C-alpha atoms as a PDB file:
ATOM      1  CA  MET A   1       0.000   0.000   0.000  1.00  0.00           C
ATOM      2  CA  GLU A   2       1.208   3.529  -0.819  1.00  0.00           C
ATOM      3  CA  LYS A   3       1.785   6.035   1.933  1.00  0.00           C
ATOM      4  CA  THR A   4      -1.184   8.352   2.154  1.00  0.00           C
ATOM      5  CA  LEU A   5      -2.272  11.511   3.908  1.00  0.00           C
ATOM      6  CA  LEU A   6      -5.312  11.224   6.117  1.00  0.00           C
ATOM      7  CA  ILE A   7      -7.770  13.854   7.302  1.00  0.00           C
ATOM      8  CA  GLY A   8      -6.189  15.641  10.250  1.00  0.00           C
ATOM      9  CA  ASP A   9      -2.606  14.976   9.124  1.00  0.00           C
ATOM     10  CA  HIS A  10      -0.258  17.954   9.043  1.00  0.00           C
ATOM     11  CA  ILE A  11       2.358  18.624   6.379  1.00  0.00           C
ATOM     12  CA  LEU A  12       5.123  21.172   5.933  1.00  0.00           C
ATOM     13  CA  VAL A  13       5.281  22.661   2.437  1.00  0.00           C
ATOM     14  CA  SER A  14       8.146  24.477   0.736  1.00  0.00           C
ATOM     15  CA  LYS A  15       7.051  26.852  -2.007  1.00  0.00           C
ATOM     16  CA  PHE A  16      10.603  27.017  -3.349  1.00  0.00           C
ATOM     17  CA  THR A  17      11.340  23.349  -4.108  1.00  0.00           C
ATOM     18  CA  TYR A  18      10.641  23.653  -7.834  1.00  0.00           C
ATOM     19  CA  GLY A  19      11.955  27.186  -8.263  1.00  0.00           C
ATOM     20  CA  ILE A  20      11.407  30.796  -7.353  1.00  0.00           C
ATOM     21  CA  HIS A  21       8.948  32.659  -9.576  1.00  0.00           C
ATOM     22  CA  ILE A  22       9.788  36.305 -10.161  1.00  0.00           C
ATOM     23  CA  PRO A  23       6.611  38.435 -10.304  1.00  0.00           C
ATOM     24  CA  ASN A  24       6.165  39.851 -13.794  1.00  0.00           C
ATOM     25  CA  ILE A  25       3.041  41.967 -13.250  1.00  0.00           C
ATOM     26  CA  ILE A  26       2.485  45.168 -11.276  1.00  0.00           C
ATOM     27  CA  PRO A  27      -0.544  44.001  -9.218  1.00  0.00           C
ATOM     28  CA  PHE A  28      -2.559  47.206  -8.878  1.00  0.00           C
ATOM     29  CA  LEU A  29      -1.977  48.283 -12.496  1.00  0.00           C
ATOM     30  CA  ASN A  30      -2.139  44.785 -14.036  1.00  0.00           C
ATOM     31  CA  ILE A  31       0.779  45.651 -16.331  1.00  0.00           C
ATOM     32  CA  LYS A  32       2.939  42.766 -17.530  1.00  0.00           C
ATOM     33  CA  LEU A  33       6.621  43.722 -17.384  1.00  0.00           C
ATOM     34  CA  PHE A  34       8.321  40.683 -18.940  1.00  0.00           C
ATOM     35  CA  ASP A  35       7.903  36.951 -19.597  1.00  0.00           C
ATOM     36  CA  ASP A  36       7.833  34.505 -16.683  1.00  0.00           C
ATOM     37  CA  ILE A  37      11.179  33.983 -14.967  1.00  0.00           C
ATOM     38  CA  VAL A  38      11.874  30.982 -12.731  1.00  0.00           C
ATOM     39  CA  LEU A  39      15.155  30.732 -10.842  1.00  0.00           C
ATOM     40  CA  PHE A  40      16.655  27.401  -9.707  1.00  0.00           C
ATOM     41  CA  GLN A  41      14.059  25.443 -11.690  1.00  0.00           C
ATOM     42  CA  LYS A  42      13.664  21.743 -10.812  1.00  0.00           C
ATOM     43  CA  THR A  43      11.137  19.339 -12.318  1.00  0.00           C
ATOM     44  CA  PRO A  44       8.976  17.016 -10.195  1.00  0.00           C
ATOM     45  CA  GLU A  45      10.036  13.365  -9.884  1.00  0.00           C
ATOM     46  CA  HIS A  46       8.105  10.139  -9.269  1.00  0.00           C
ATOM     47  CA  ASP A  47       6.506   9.983  -5.791  1.00  0.00           C
ATOM     48  CA  ASP A  48       6.981  13.700  -5.093  1.00  0.00           C
ATOM     49  CA  ILE A  49       4.050  15.269  -3.287  1.00  0.00           C
ATOM     50  CA  ILE A  50       2.959  18.554  -4.815  1.00  0.00           C
ATOM     51  CA  VAL A  51       0.582  21.236  -3.561  1.00  0.00           C
ATOM     52  CA  PHE A  52      -1.189  23.548  -5.984  1.00  0.00           C
ATOM     53  CA  ARG A  53      -4.209  25.823  -6.154  1.00  0.00           C
ATOM     54  CA  TYR A  54      -7.398  24.189  -7.413  1.00  0.00           C
ATOM     55  CA  PRO A  55      -7.979  25.817 -10.851  1.00  0.00           C
ATOM     56  CA  LYS A  56     -11.745  26.274 -10.406  1.00  0.00           C
ATOM     57  CA  ASN A  57     -11.470  27.692  -6.856  1.00  0.00           C
ATOM     58  CA  GLU A  58      -8.102  29.247  -6.056  1.00  0.00           C
ATOM     59  CA  SER A  59      -8.925  29.474  -2.343  1.00  0.00           C
ATOM     60  CA  ARG A  60      -8.526  25.655  -2.163  1.00  0.00           C
ATOM     61  CA  ASP A  61      -5.243  23.769  -2.207  1.00  0.00           C
ATOM     62  CA  PHE A  62      -4.846  20.337  -3.798  1.00  0.00           C
ATOM     63  CA  ILE A  63      -2.266  17.858  -2.518  1.00  0.00           C
ATOM     64  CA  LYS A  64      -1.307  15.140  -5.001  1.00  0.00           C
ATOM     65  CA  ARG A  65       1.440  12.550  -5.498  1.00  0.00           C
ATOM     66  CA  VAL A  66       3.301  12.507  -8.833  1.00  0.00           C
ATOM     67  CA  ILE A  67       2.859   9.060 -10.393  1.00  0.00           C
ATOM     68  CA  GLY A  68       3.617   9.814 -14.023  1.00  0.00           C
ATOM     69  CA  LEU A  69       5.993  12.041 -15.917  1.00  0.00           C
ATOM     70  CA  PRO A  70       6.125  13.001 -19.607  1.00  0.00           C
ATOM     71  CA  GLY A  71       6.931   9.866 -21.604  1.00  0.00           C
ATOM     72  CA  ASP A  72       5.596   7.435 -18.974  1.00  0.00           C
ATOM     73  CA  LEU A  73       2.879   4.944 -19.897  1.00  0.00           C
ATOM     74  CA  LEU A  74       0.202   4.682 -17.194  1.00  0.00           C
ATOM     75  CA  GLU A  75      -2.349   1.878 -17.109  1.00  0.00           C
ATOM     76  CA  ILE A  76      -5.124   1.193 -14.623  1.00  0.00           C
ATOM     77  CA  ARG A  77      -6.080  -2.473 -14.379  1.00  0.00           C
ATOM     78  CA  GLN A  78      -8.334  -3.872 -11.673  1.00  0.00           C
ATOM     79  CA  GLN A  79      -8.090  -0.611  -9.698  1.00  0.00           C
ATOM     80  CA  LYS A  80      -4.242  -0.712  -9.661  1.00  0.00           C
ATOM     81  CA  VAL A  81      -1.945   1.753 -11.417  1.00  0.00           C
ATOM     82  CA  TYR A  82       0.879   0.326 -13.535  1.00  0.00           C
ATOM     83  CA  ILE A  83       3.702   2.578 -14.705  1.00  0.00           C
ATOM     84  CA  ASN A  84       5.829   1.652 -17.752  1.00  0.00           C
ATOM     85  CA  GLU A  85       4.911  -2.048 -17.689  1.00  0.00           C
END
């Protein structure tokens, strides 16, 4: 069985693990200054846990485990996930 987070569990999150995003917009004027810049960029790896804002309601956070990366083949058979098999 995979490790899982349960209701009531606490986690510590680093917002800088995958890079530091440099703001490119002046907030109150909504003027874009330049293209996105990310310093110290790192890509997620298998089994990393990531936290991101829910796209349809940005006041909610989603916590998910990375199971597939670009180029991986994922299959679900009998309620089990198979990666590159």
